[in-house]
Amino acid sequence: MKFTASLKKNFEFKRVYAKGKSHAAPSVVVYCRKNNGSMNRLGITVGSKVGNAVVRNRIRRRLKEIYRLNESCVRPGYDIILVARLRSVEAPYLRLQSEILKSFRALGILEETASV
């Protein structure tokens, strides 16, 4: 992910949850907040209710790859958190991708010229 850094600290996640905007889809919830920087920062959360470690890591890898393939279409300067829901375990890759892109569009962080 060449245009994106990672959210790692608990206070960074809490700030986005408290002061950011959110959009919920059946399989994923997207939170975003302007970060006054030139790069996006991405955090991915998959709770223990979603499944065992193997399942959680597979979902995390899928979400990260969906973001990586579409990061050129995302406006820079945002902290973004993707929270996987229980339905993301059974959701096909293309449905996850379309839900994330719809959420990005609803939050106004998807570039207008993006043909996705």
PDB file of N, CA and C in Angstrom:
ATOM      1  N   MET A   1       0.858  -1.168   0.000  1.00  0.00           N
ATOM      2  CA  MET A   1       0.000   0.000   0.000  1.00  0.00           C
ATOM      3  C   MET A   1       0.901   1.227   0.000  1.00  0.00           C
ATOM      4  N   LYS A   2       1.085   1.777  -1.166  1.00  0.00           N
ATOM      5  CA  LYS A   2       2.090   2.827  -1.261  1.00  0.00           C
ATOM      6  C   LYS A   2       1.595   4.203  -0.862  1.00  0.00           C
ATOM      7  N   PHE A   3       0.300   4.424  -0.794  1.00  0.00           N
ATOM      8  CA  PHE A   3      -0.223   5.729  -0.383  1.00  0.00           C
ATOM      9  C   PHE A   3      -0.803   5.696   1.031  1.00  0.00           C
ATOM     10  N   THR A   4      -0.563   4.623   1.768  1.00  0.00           N
ATOM     11  CA  THR A   4      -1.253   4.421   3.033  1.00  0.00           C
ATOM     12  C   THR A   4      -0.307   3.914   4.116  1.00  0.00           C
ATOM     13  N   ALA A   5      -0.477   4.435   5.321  1.00  0.00           N
ATOM     14  CA  ALA A   5       0.216   3.932   6.508  1.00  0.00           C
ATOM     15  C   ALA A   5      -0.811   3.186   7.359  1.00  0.00           C
ATOM     16  N   SER A   6      -0.384   2.659   8.493  1.00  0.00           N
ATOM     17  CA  SER A   6      -1.287   1.892   9.354  1.00  0.00           C
ATOM     18  C   SER A   6      -1.659   2.667  10.606  1.00  0.00           C
ATOM     19  N   LEU A   7      -2.895   2.472  11.042  1.00  0.00           N
ATOM     20  CA  LEU A   7      -3.303   2.916  12.375  1.00  0.00           C
ATOM     21  C   LEU A   7      -2.916   1.800  13.329  1.00  0.00           C
ATOM     22  N   LYS A   8      -2.172   2.124  14.373  1.00  0.00           N
ATOM     23  CA  LYS A   8      -1.704   1.076  15.274  1.00  0.00           C
ATOM     24  C   LYS A   8      -2.067   1.313  16.730  1.00  0.00           C
ATOM     25  N   LYS A   9      -2.093   2.548  17.151  1.00  0.00           N
ATOM     26  CA  LYS A   9      -2.299   2.858  18.565  1.00  0.00           C
ATOM     27  C   LYS A   9      -3.788   2.895  18.910  1.00  0.00           C
ATOM     28  N   ASN A  10      -4.101   2.499  20.130  1.00  0.00           N
ATOM     29  CA  ASN A  10      -5.483   2.467  20.597  1.00  0.00           C
ATOM     30  C   ASN A  10      -6.118   3.857  20.555  1.00  0.00           C
ATOM     31  N   PHE A  11      -5.359   4.901  20.927  1.00  0.00           N
ATOM     32  CA  PHE A  11      -5.933   6.248  20.935  1.00  0.00           C
ATOM     33  C   PHE A  11      -6.261   6.717  19.521  1.00  0.00           C
ATOM     34  N   GLU A  12      -5.530   6.236  18.512  1.00  0.00           N
ATOM     35  CA  GLU A  12      -5.840   6.600  17.130  1.00  0.00           C
ATOM     36  C   GLU A  12      -7.180   6.001  16.714  1.00  0.00           C
ATOM     37  N   PHE A  13      -7.407   4.743  17.076  1.00  0.00           N
ATOM     38  CA  PHE A  13      -8.686   4.103  16.781  1.00  0.00           C
ATOM     39  C   PHE A  13      -9.823   4.805  17.525  1.00  0.00           C
ATOM     40  N   LYS A  14      -9.613   5.091  18.807  1.00  0.00           N
ATOM     41  CA  LYS A  14     -10.657   5.742  19.601  1.00  0.00           C
ATOM     42  C   LYS A  14     -11.028   7.102  19.033  1.00  0.00           C
ATOM     43  N   ARG A  15     -10.043   7.853  18.547  1.00  0.00           N
ATOM     44  CA  ARG A  15     -10.304   9.177  17.977  1.00  0.00           C
ATOM     45  C   ARG A  15     -11.191   9.066  16.738  1.00  0.00           C
ATOM     46  N   VAL A  16     -10.915   8.082  15.887  1.00  0.00           N
ATOM     47  CA  VAL A  16     -11.731   7.899  14.681  1.00  0.00           C
ATOM     48  C   VAL A  16     -13.141   7.454  15.060  1.00  0.00           C
ATOM     49  N   TYR A  17     -13.257   6.535  16.011  1.00  0.00           N
ATOM     50  CA  TYR A  17     -14.583   6.085  16.443  1.00  0.00           C
ATOM     51  C   TYR A  17     -15.393   7.234  17.039  1.00  0.00           C
ATOM     52  N   ALA A  18     -14.755   8.074  17.834  1.00  0.00           N
ATOM     53  CA  ALA A  18     -15.472   9.129  18.552  1.00  0.00           C
ATOM     54  C   ALA A  18     -15.804  10.323  17.666  1.00  0.00           C
ATOM     55  N   LYS A  19     -14.882  10.740  16.816  1.00  0.00           N
ATOM     56  CA  LYS A  19     -15.056  11.990  16.080  1.00  0.00           C
ATOM     57  C   LYS A  19     -15.227  11.815  14.582  1.00  0.00           C
ATOM     58  N   GLY A  20     -15.200  10.587  14.105  1.00  0.00           N
ATOM     59  CA  GLY A  20     -15.307  10.361  12.678  1.00  0.00           C
ATOM     60  C   GLY A  20     -16.724  10.060  12.228  1.00  0.00           C
ATOM     61  N   LYS A  21     -16.868   9.859  10.923  1.00  0.00           N
ATOM     62  CA  LYS A  21     -18.142   9.466  10.330  1.00  0.00           C
ATOM     63  C   LYS A  21     -18.115   7.961  10.098  1.00  0.00           C
ATOM     64  N   SER A  22     -19.299   7.362  10.011  1.00  0.00           N
ATOM     65  CA  SER A  22     -19.351   5.921   9.775  1.00  0.00           C
ATOM     66  C   SER A  22     -20.445   5.581   8.779  1.00  0.00           C
ATOM     67  N   HIS A  23     -20.270   4.438   8.145  1.00  0.00           N
ATOM     68  CA  HIS A  23     -21.287   3.894   7.257  1.00  0.00           C
ATOM     69  C   HIS A  23     -21.279   2.382   7.430  1.00  0.00           C
ATOM     70  N   ALA A  24     -22.455   1.808   7.670  1.00  0.00           N
ATOM     71  CA  ALA A  24     -22.562   0.373   7.919  1.00  0.00           C
ATOM     72  C   ALA A  24     -23.143  -0.338   6.707  1.00  0.00           C
ATOM     73  N   ALA A  25     -22.526  -1.439   6.350  1.00  0.00           N
ATOM     74  CA  ALA A  25     -23.016  -2.349   5.326  1.00  0.00           C
ATOM     75  C   ALA A  25     -23.236  -3.700   6.016  1.00  0.00           C
ATOM     76  N   PRO A  26     -23.886  -4.640   5.357  1.00  0.00           N
ATOM     77  CA  PRO A  26     -24.148  -5.920   6.025  1.00  0.00           C
ATOM     78  C   PRO A  26     -22.895  -6.670   6.490  1.00  0.00           C
ATOM     79  N   SER A  27     -21.796  -6.554   5.755  1.00  0.00           N
ATOM     80  CA  SER A  27     -20.598  -7.322   6.094  1.00  0.00           C
ATOM     81  C   SER A  27     -19.488  -6.513   6.730  1.00  0.00           C
ATOM     82  N   VAL A  28     -19.535  -5.200   6.599  1.00  0.00           N
ATOM     83  CA  VAL A  28     -18.428  -4.374   7.080  1.00  0.00           C
ATOM     84  C   VAL A  28     -18.944  -2.994   7.483  1.00  0.00           C
ATOM     85  N   VAL A  29     -18.299  -2.410   8.491  1.00  0.00           N
ATOM     86  CA  VAL A  29     -18.582  -1.031   8.893  1.00  0.00           C
ATOM     87  C   VAL A  29     -17.324  -0.224   8.605  1.00  0.00           C
ATOM     88  N   VAL A  30     -17.495   0.946   7.980  1.00  0.00           N
ATOM     89  CA  VAL A  30     -16.358   1.802   7.640  1.00  0.00           C
ATOM     90  C   VAL A  30     -16.462   3.088   8.445  1.00  0.00           C
ATOM     91  N   TYR A  31     -15.386   3.425   9.139  1.00  0.00           N
ATOM     92  CA  TYR A  31     -15.264   4.689   9.863  1.00  0.00           C
ATOM     93  C   TYR A  31     -14.188   5.505   9.174  1.00  0.00           C
ATOM     94  N   CYS A  32     -14.378   6.833   9.093  1.00  0.00           N
ATOM     95  CA  CYS A  32     -13.328   7.680   8.526  1.00  0.00           C
ATOM     96  C   CYS A  32     -13.317   9.030   9.226  1.00  0.00           C
ATOM     97  N   ARG A  33     -12.144   9.635   9.210  1.00  0.00           N
ATOM     98  CA  ARG A  33     -11.947  10.954   9.819  1.00  0.00           C
ATOM     99  C   ARG A  33     -10.793  11.629   9.108  1.00  0.00           C
ATOM    100  N   LYS A  34     -10.933  12.918   8.837  1.00  0.00           N
ATOM    101  CA  LYS A  34      -9.858  13.693   8.215  1.00  0.00           C
ATOM    102  C   LYS A  34      -8.663  13.716   9.162  1.00  0.00           C
ATOM    103  N   ASN A  35      -7.430  13.535   8.607  1.00  0.00           N
ATOM    104  CA  ASN A  35      -6.265  13.456   9.486  1.00  0.00           C
ATOM    105  C   ASN A  35      -5.247  14.579   9.288  1.00  0.00           C
ATOM    106  N   ASN A  36      -5.546  15.572   8.455  1.00  0.00           N
ATOM    107  CA  ASN A  36      -4.656  16.714   8.223  1.00  0.00           C
ATOM    108  C   ASN A  36      -3.278  16.294   7.725  1.00  0.00           C
ATOM    109  N   GLY A  37      -3.184  15.181   7.064  1.00  0.00           N
ATOM    110  CA  GLY A  37      -1.930  14.720   6.488  1.00  0.00           C
ATOM    111  C   GLY A  37      -2.089  14.528   4.995  1.00  0.00           C
ATOM    112  N   SER A  38      -1.016  14.090   4.361  1.00  0.00           N
ATOM    113  CA  SER A  38      -1.069  13.875   2.920  1.00  0.00           C
ATOM    114  C   SER A  38      -1.297  12.406   2.573  1.00  0.00           C
ATOM    115  N   MET A  39      -1.322  11.547   3.585  1.00  0.00           N
ATOM    116  CA  MET A  39      -1.521  10.113   3.365  1.00  0.00           C
ATOM    117  C   MET A  39      -2.761   9.630   4.104  1.00  0.00           C
ATOM    118  N   ASN A  40      -3.285   8.528   3.626  1.00  0.00           N
ATOM    119  CA  ASN A  40      -4.328   7.838   4.373  1.00  0.00           C
ATOM    120  C   ASN A  40      -3.669   6.912   5.381  1.00  0.00           C
ATOM    121  N   ARG A  41      -4.391   6.644   6.457  1.00  0.00           N
ATOM    122  CA  ARG A  41      -3.948   5.648   7.426  1.00  0.00           C
ATOM    123  C   ARG A  41      -5.084   4.652   7.589  1.00  0.00           C
ATOM    124  N   LEU A  42      -4.770   3.369   7.489  1.00  0.00           N
ATOM    125  CA  LEU A  42      -5.780   2.313   7.497  1.00  0.00           C
ATOM    126  C   LEU A  42      -5.651   1.453   8.740  1.00  0.00           C
ATOM    127  N   GLY A  43      -6.793   1.166   9.360  1.00  0.00           N
ATOM    128  CA  GLY A  43      -6.858   0.211  10.458  1.00  0.00           C
ATOM    129  C   GLY A  43      -7.932  -0.813  10.148  1.00  0.00           C
ATOM    130  N   ILE A  44      -7.658  -2.061  10.457  1.00  0.00           N
ATOM    131  CA  ILE A  44      -8.623  -3.132  10.212  1.00  0.00           C
ATOM    132  C   ILE A  44      -8.890  -3.838  11.533  1.00  0.00           C
ATOM    133  N   THR A  45     -10.170  -4.003  11.858  1.00  0.00           N
ATOM    134  CA  THR A  45     -10.568  -4.652  13.101  1.00  0.00           C
ATOM    135  C   THR A  45     -11.460  -5.841  12.780  1.00  0.00           C
ATOM    136  N   VAL A  46     -11.081  -6.995  13.320  1.00  0.00           N
ATOM    137  CA  VAL A  46     -11.901  -8.195  13.191  1.00  0.00           C
ATOM    138  C   VAL A  46     -12.033  -8.775  14.593  1.00  0.00           C
ATOM    139  N   GLY A  47     -13.217  -8.660  15.172  1.00  0.00           N
ATOM    140  CA  GLY A  47     -13.433  -9.094  16.547  1.00  0.00           C
ATOM    141  C   GLY A  47     -13.397 -10.603  16.714  1.00  0.00           C
ATOM    142  N   SER A  48     -13.229 -11.043  17.940  1.00  0.00           N
ATOM    143  CA  SER A  48     -13.115 -12.480  18.214  1.00  0.00           C
ATOM    144  C   SER A  48     -14.430 -13.226  18.000  1.00  0.00           C
ATOM    145  N   LYS A  49     -15.553 -12.516  17.930  1.00  0.00           N
ATOM    146  CA  LYS A  49     -16.840 -13.163  17.666  1.00  0.00           C
ATOM    147  C   LYS A  49     -16.944 -13.655  16.225  1.00  0.00           C
ATOM    148  N   VAL A  50     -16.080 -13.130  15.354  1.00  0.00           N
ATOM    149  CA  VAL A  50     -16.163 -13.458  13.933  1.00  0.00           C
ATOM    150  C   VAL A  50     -15.717 -14.891  13.667  1.00  0.00           C
ATOM    151  N   GLY A  51     -14.771 -15.405  14.408  1.00  0.00           N
ATOM    152  CA  GLY A  51     -14.309 -16.773  14.194  1.00  0.00           C
ATOM    153  C   GLY A  51     -12.981 -16.997  14.884  1.00  0.00           C
ATOM    154  N   ASN A  52     -12.363 -18.136  14.575  1.00  0.00           N
ATOM    155  CA  ASN A  52     -11.060 -18.396  15.172  1.00  0.00           C
ATOM    156  C   ASN A  52      -9.977 -17.577  14.454  1.00  0.00           C
ATOM    157  N   ALA A  53      -8.737 -17.718  14.885  1.00  0.00           N
ATOM    158  CA  ALA A  53      -7.656 -16.876  14.369  1.00  0.00           C
ATOM    159  C   ALA A  53      -7.455 -17.042  12.868  1.00  0.00           C
ATOM    160  N   VAL A  54      -7.617 -18.250  12.365  1.00  0.00           N
ATOM    161  CA  VAL A  54      -7.437 -18.493  10.936  1.00  0.00           C
ATOM    162  C   VAL A  54      -8.478 -17.718  10.132  1.00  0.00           C
ATOM    163  N   VAL A  55      -9.717 -17.776  10.563  1.00  0.00           N
ATOM    164  CA  VAL A  55     -10.810 -17.076   9.877  1.00  0.00           C
ATOM    165  C   VAL A  55     -10.613 -15.569   9.964  1.00  0.00           C
ATOM    166  N   ARG A  56     -10.266 -15.071  11.151  1.00  0.00           N
ATOM    167  CA  ARG A  56     -10.064 -13.624  11.326  1.00  0.00           C
ATOM    168  C   ARG A  56      -8.928 -13.113  10.452  1.00  0.00           C
ATOM    169  N   ASN A  57      -7.840 -13.856  10.379  1.00  0.00           N
ATOM    170  CA  ASN A  57      -6.720 -13.420   9.544  1.00  0.00           C
ATOM    171  C   ASN A  57      -7.063 -13.466   8.062  1.00  0.00           C
ATOM    172  N   ARG A  58      -7.859 -14.449   7.637  1.00  0.00           N
ATOM    173  CA  ARG A  58      -8.271 -14.502   6.237  1.00  0.00           C
ATOM    174  C   ARG A  58      -9.129 -13.286   5.887  1.00  0.00           C
ATOM    175  N   ILE A  59     -10.042 -12.922   6.767  1.00  0.00           N
ATOM    176  CA  ILE A  59     -10.878 -11.739   6.528  1.00  0.00           C
ATOM    177  C   ILE A  59     -10.017 -10.487   6.514  1.00  0.00           C
ATOM    178  N   ARG A  60      -9.072 -10.389   7.436  1.00  0.00           N
ATOM    179  CA  ARG A  60      -8.175  -9.231   7.484  1.00  0.00           C
ATOM    180  C   ARG A  60      -7.384  -9.103   6.177  1.00  0.00           C
ATOM    181  N   ARG A  61      -6.881 -10.223   5.675  1.00  0.00           N
ATOM    182  CA  ARG A  61      -6.133 -10.199   4.405  1.00  0.00           C
ATOM    183  C   ARG A  61      -7.030  -9.789   3.245  1.00  0.00           C
ATOM    184  N   ARG A  62      -8.271 -10.268   3.225  1.00  0.00           N
ATOM    185  CA  ARG A  62      -9.190  -9.894   2.148  1.00  0.00           C
ATOM    186  C   ARG A  62      -9.501  -8.398   2.174  1.00  0.00           C
ATOM    187  N   LEU A  63      -9.780  -7.862   3.365  1.00  0.00           N
ATOM    188  CA  LEU A  63     -10.087  -6.435   3.479  1.00  0.00           C
ATOM    189  C   LEU A  63      -8.884  -5.587   3.074  1.00  0.00           C
ATOM    190  N   LYS A  64      -7.702  -6.001   3.502  1.00  0.00           N
ATOM    191  CA  LYS A  64      -6.490  -5.258   3.164  1.00  0.00           C
ATOM    192  C   LYS A  64      -6.241  -5.277   1.655  1.00  0.00           C
ATOM    193  N   GLU A  65      -6.480  -6.406   1.017  1.00  0.00           N
ATOM    194  CA  GLU A  65      -6.276  -6.511  -0.430  1.00  0.00           C
ATOM    195  C   GLU A  65      -7.309  -5.684  -1.192  1.00  0.00           C
ATOM    196  N   ILE A  66      -8.548  -5.689  -0.750  1.00  0.00           N
ATOM    197  CA  ILE A  66      -9.570  -4.857  -1.390  1.00  0.00           C
ATOM    198  C   ILE A  66      -9.167  -3.395  -1.315  1.00  0.00           C
ATOM    199  N   TYR A  67      -8.699  -2.968  -0.155  1.00  0.00           N
ATOM    200  CA  TYR A  67      -8.258  -1.578  -0.025  1.00  0.00           C
ATOM    201  C   TYR A  67      -7.046  -1.310  -0.910  1.00  0.00           C
ATOM    202  N   ARG A  68      -6.075  -2.228  -0.913  1.00  0.00           N
ATOM    203  CA  ARG A  68      -4.846  -2.022  -1.692  1.00  0.00           C
ATOM    204  C   ARG A  68      -5.149  -1.852  -3.179  1.00  0.00           C
ATOM    205  N   LEU A  69      -6.056  -2.659  -3.708  1.00  0.00           N
ATOM    206  CA  LEU A  69      -6.382  -2.588  -5.129  1.00  0.00           C
ATOM    207  C   LEU A  69      -7.147  -1.320  -5.492  1.00  0.00           C
ATOM    208  N   ASN A  70      -7.817  -0.707  -4.520  1.00  0.00           N
ATOM    209  CA  ASN A  70      -8.633   0.475  -4.792  1.00  0.00           C
ATOM    210  C   ASN A  70      -8.101   1.739  -4.138  1.00  0.00           C
ATOM    211  N   GLU A  71      -6.902   1.705  -3.554  1.00  0.00           N
ATOM    212  CA  GLU A  71      -6.416   2.862  -2.806  1.00  0.00           C
ATOM    213  C   GLU A  71      -6.139   4.072  -3.689  1.00  0.00           C
ATOM    214  N   SER A  72      -5.888   3.862  -4.973  1.00  0.00           N
ATOM    215  CA  SER A  72      -5.657   5.009  -5.853  1.00  0.00           C
ATOM    216  C   SER A  72      -6.945   5.799  -6.086  1.00  0.00           C
ATOM    217  N   CYS A  73      -8.097   5.198  -5.808  1.00  0.00           N
ATOM    218  CA  CYS A  73      -9.391   5.865  -5.977  1.00  0.00           C
ATOM    219  C   CYS A  73      -9.850   6.585  -4.711  1.00  0.00           C
ATOM    220  N   VAL A  74      -9.121   6.418  -3.610  1.00  0.00           N
ATOM    221  CA  VAL A  74      -9.521   6.998  -2.330  1.00  0.00           C
ATOM    222  C   VAL A  74      -8.798   8.322  -2.126  1.00  0.00           C
ATOM    223  N   ARG A  75      -9.546   9.332  -1.731  1.00  0.00           N
ATOM    224  CA  ARG A  75      -8.948  10.646  -1.475  1.00  0.00           C
ATOM    225  C   ARG A  75      -7.914  10.557  -0.362  1.00  0.00           C
ATOM    226  N   PRO A  76      -6.799  11.267  -0.489  1.00  0.00           N
ATOM    227  CA  PRO A  76      -5.774  11.237   0.562  1.00  0.00           C
ATOM    228  C   PRO A  76      -6.153  12.118   1.749  1.00  0.00           C
ATOM    229  N   GLY A  77      -5.540  11.830   2.893  1.00  0.00           N
ATOM    230  CA  GLY A  77      -5.730  12.658   4.074  1.00  0.00           C
ATOM    231  C   GLY A  77      -6.790  12.170   5.036  1.00  0.00           C
ATOM    232  N   TYR A  78      -7.056  10.870   5.070  1.00  0.00           N
ATOM    233  CA  TYR A  78      -8.083  10.319   5.953  1.00  0.00           C
ATOM    234  C   TYR A  78      -7.536   9.169   6.788  1.00  0.00           C
ATOM    235  N   ASP A  79      -8.059   9.040   7.993  1.00  0.00           N
ATOM    236  CA  ASP A  79      -7.885   7.836   8.797  1.00  0.00           C
ATOM    237  C   ASP A  79      -9.109   6.972   8.520  1.00  0.00           C
ATOM    238  N   ILE A  80      -8.890   5.734   8.119  1.00  0.00           N
ATOM    239  CA  ILE A  80      -9.979   4.839   7.728  1.00  0.00           C
ATOM    240  C   ILE A  80      -9.879   3.563   8.555  1.00  0.00           C
ATOM    241  N   ILE A  81     -11.009   3.143   9.108  1.00  0.00           N
ATOM    242  CA  ILE A  81     -11.063   1.879   9.842  1.00  0.00           C
ATOM    243  C   ILE A  81     -12.126   0.997   9.197  1.00  0.00           C
ATOM    244  N   LEU A  82     -11.756  -0.238   8.894  1.00  0.00           N
ATOM    245  CA  LEU A  82     -12.687  -1.234   8.387  1.00  0.00           C
ATOM    246  C   LEU A  82     -12.947  -2.235   9.509  1.00  0.00           C
ATOM    247  N   VAL A  83     -14.202  -2.384   9.885  1.00  0.00           N
ATOM    248  CA  VAL A  83     -14.580  -3.315  10.951  1.00  0.00           C
ATOM    249  C   VAL A  83     -15.390  -4.444  10.323  1.00  0.00           C
ATOM    250  N   ALA A  84     -14.861  -5.657  10.409  1.00  0.00           N
ATOM    251  CA  ALA A  84     -15.540  -6.817   9.830  1.00  0.00           C
ATOM    252  C   ALA A  84     -16.679  -7.257  10.738  1.00  0.00           C
ATOM    253  N   ARG A  85     -17.801  -7.577  10.123  1.00  0.00           N
ATOM    254  CA  ARG A  85     -18.941  -8.130  10.845  1.00  0.00           C
ATOM    255  C   ARG A  85     -18.984  -9.639  10.628  1.00  0.00           C
ATOM    256  N   LEU A  86     -19.857 -10.304  11.359  1.00  0.00           N
ATOM    257  CA  LEU A  86     -19.955 -11.759  11.276  1.00  0.00           C
ATOM    258  C   LEU A  86     -20.289 -12.226   9.858  1.00  0.00           C
ATOM    259  N   ARG A  87     -21.088 -11.459   9.144  1.00  0.00           N
ATOM    260  CA  ARG A  87     -21.468 -11.843   7.779  1.00  0.00           C
ATOM    261  C   ARG A  87     -20.292 -11.838   6.805  1.00  0.00           C
ATOM    262  N   SER A  88     -19.203 -11.167   7.147  1.00  0.00           N
ATOM    263  CA  SER A  88     -18.061 -11.110   6.234  1.00  0.00           C
ATOM    264  C   SER A  88     -17.390 -12.473   6.073  1.00  0.00           C
ATOM    265  N   VAL A  89     -17.642 -13.396   6.995  1.00  0.00           N
ATOM    266  CA  VAL A  89     -17.068 -14.742   6.883  1.00  0.00           C
ATOM    267  C   VAL A  89     -17.628 -15.448   5.656  1.00  0.00           C
ATOM    268  N   GLU A  90     -18.929 -15.342   5.444  1.00  0.00           N
ATOM    269  CA  GLU A  90     -19.588 -16.037   4.342  1.00  0.00           C
ATOM    270  C   GLU A  90     -19.678 -15.202   3.067  1.00  0.00           C
ATOM    271  N   ALA A  91     -19.382 -13.922   3.148  1.00  0.00           N
ATOM    272  CA  ALA A  91     -19.559 -13.041   1.994  1.00  0.00           C
ATOM    273  C   ALA A  91     -18.506 -13.319   0.927  1.00  0.00           C
ATOM    274  N   PRO A  92     -18.917 -13.404  -0.336  1.00  0.00           N
ATOM    275  CA  PRO A  92     -17.937 -13.543  -1.410  1.00  0.00           C
ATOM    276  C   PRO A  92     -17.089 -12.273  -1.539  1.00  0.00           C
ATOM    277  N   TYR A  93     -15.914 -12.441  -2.108  1.00  0.00           N
ATOM    278  CA  TYR A  93     -14.964 -11.338  -2.253  1.00  0.00           C
ATOM    279  C   TYR A  93     -15.587 -10.141  -2.968  1.00  0.00           C
ATOM    280  N   LEU A  94     -16.303 -10.384  -4.063  1.00  0.00           N
ATOM    281  CA  LEU A  94     -16.865  -9.272  -4.845  1.00  0.00           C
ATOM    282  C   LEU A  94     -17.936  -8.512  -4.069  1.00  0.00           C
ATOM    283  N   ARG A  95     -18.711  -9.208  -3.236  1.00  0.00           N
ATOM    284  CA  ARG A  95     -19.705  -8.510  -2.420  1.00  0.00           C
ATOM    285  C   ARG A  95     -19.016  -7.634  -1.376  1.00  0.00           C
ATOM    286  N   LEU A  96     -17.969  -8.159  -0.746  1.00  0.00           N
ATOM    287  CA  LEU A  96     -17.205  -7.353   0.210  1.00  0.00           C
ATOM    288  C   LEU A  96     -16.652  -6.102  -0.463  1.00  0.00           C
ATOM    289  N   GLN A  97     -16.095  -6.292  -1.655  1.00  0.00           N
ATOM    290  CA  GLN A  97     -15.519  -5.160  -2.378  1.00  0.00           C
ATOM    291  C   GLN A  97     -16.585  -4.119  -2.698  1.00  0.00           C
ATOM    292  N   SER A  98     -17.738  -4.549  -3.188  1.00  0.00           N
ATOM    293  CA  SER A  98     -18.777  -3.582  -3.543  1.00  0.00           C
ATOM    294  C   SER A  98     -19.315  -2.866  -2.303  1.00  0.00           C
ATOM    295  N   GLU A  99     -19.429  -3.563  -1.175  1.00  0.00           N
ATOM    296  CA  GLU A  99     -19.904  -2.920   0.051  1.00  0.00           C
ATOM    297  C   GLU A  99     -18.911  -1.877   0.553  1.00  0.00           C
ATOM    298  N   ILE A 100     -17.624  -2.185   0.482  1.00  0.00           N
ATOM    299  CA  ILE A 100     -16.609  -1.226   0.925  1.00  0.00           C
ATOM    300  C   ILE A 100     -16.608  -0.001   0.024  1.00  0.00           C
ATOM    301  N   LEU A 101     -16.686  -0.208  -1.285  1.00  0.00           N
ATOM    302  CA  LEU A 101     -16.684   0.933  -2.204  1.00  0.00           C
ATOM    303  C   LEU A 101     -17.952   1.776  -2.055  1.00  0.00           C
ATOM    304  N   LYS A 102     -19.101   1.136  -1.813  1.00  0.00           N
ATOM    305  CA  LYS A 102     -20.332   1.893  -1.566  1.00  0.00           C
ATOM    306  C   LYS A 102     -20.214   2.717  -0.291  1.00  0.00           C
ATOM    307  N   SER A 103     -19.600   2.144   0.727  1.00  0.00           N
ATOM    308  CA  SER A 103     -19.402   2.881   1.980  1.00  0.00           C
ATOM    309  C   SER A 103     -18.457   4.056   1.772  1.00  0.00           C
ATOM    310  N   PHE A 104     -17.368   3.838   1.024  1.00  0.00           N
ATOM    311  CA  PHE A 104     -16.444   4.935   0.719  1.00  0.00           C
ATOM    312  C   PHE A 104     -17.171   6.057  -0.017  1.00  0.00           C
ATOM    313  N   ARG A 105     -18.014   5.682  -0.973  1.00  0.00           N
ATOM    314  CA  ARG A 105     -18.755   6.684  -1.744  1.00  0.00           C
ATOM    315  C   ARG A 105     -19.731   7.433  -0.836  1.00  0.00           C
ATOM    316  N   ALA A 106     -20.408   6.722   0.056  1.00  0.00           N
ATOM    317  CA  ALA A 106     -21.366   7.353   0.969  1.00  0.00           C
ATOM    318  C   ALA A 106     -20.673   8.307   1.936  1.00  0.00           C
ATOM    319  N   LEU A 107     -19.444   7.991   2.324  1.00  0.00           N
ATOM    320  CA  LEU A 107     -18.688   8.847   3.241  1.00  0.00           C
ATOM    321  C   LEU A 107     -17.975   9.987   2.520  1.00  0.00           C
ATOM    322  N   GLY A 108     -17.982   9.958   1.192  1.00  0.00           N
ATOM    323  CA  GLY A 108     -17.372  11.036   0.419  1.00  0.00           C
ATOM    324  C   GLY A 108     -15.861  10.949   0.317  1.00  0.00           C
ATOM    325  N   ILE A 109     -15.290   9.767   0.499  1.00  0.00           N
ATOM    326  CA  ILE A 109     -13.835   9.652   0.402  1.00  0.00           C
ATOM    327  C   ILE A 109     -13.389   8.956  -0.878  1.00  0.00           C
ATOM    328  N   LEU A 110     -14.328   8.597  -1.741  1.00  0.00           N
ATOM    329  CA  LEU A 110     -13.983   8.006  -3.028  1.00  0.00           C
ATOM    330  C   LEU A 110     -13.895   9.122  -4.057  1.00  0.00           C
ATOM    331  N   GLU A 111     -12.843   9.107  -4.865  1.00  0.00           N
ATOM    332  CA  GLU A 111     -12.669  10.133  -5.895  1.00  0.00           C
ATOM    333  C   GLU A 111     -13.849  10.096  -6.863  1.00  0.00           C
ATOM    334  N   GLU A 112     -14.262  11.264  -7.309  1.00  0.00           N
ATOM    335  CA  GLU A 112     -15.407  11.361  -8.227  1.00  0.00           C
ATOM    336  C   GLU A 112     -15.081  10.757  -9.588  1.00  0.00           C
ATOM    337  N   THR A 113     -13.815  10.843 -10.005  1.00  0.00           N
ATOM    338  CA  THR A 113     -13.425  10.355 -11.325  1.00  0.00           C
ATOM    339  C   THR A 113     -13.175   8.859 -11.339  1.00  0.00           C
ATOM    340  N   ALA A 114     -13.299   8.204 -10.191  1.00  0.00           N
ATOM    341  CA  ALA A 114     -13.030   6.773 -10.104  1.00  0.00           C
ATOM    342  C   ALA A 114     -14.125   5.997 -10.825  1.00  0.00           C
ATOM    343  N   SER A 115     -13.713   5.131 -11.725  1.00  0.00           N
ATOM    344  CA  SER A 115     -14.676   4.311 -12.463  1.00  0.00           C
ATOM    345  C   SER A 115     -14.708   2.918 -11.854  1.00  0.00           C
ATOM    346  N   VAL A 116     -15.234   2.833 -10.634  1.00  0.00           N
ATOM    347  CA  VAL A 116     -15.264   1.553  -9.925  1.00  0.00           C
ATOM    348  C   VAL A 116     -16.680   1.061  -9.845  1.00  0.00           C
TER     349      VAL A 116
END
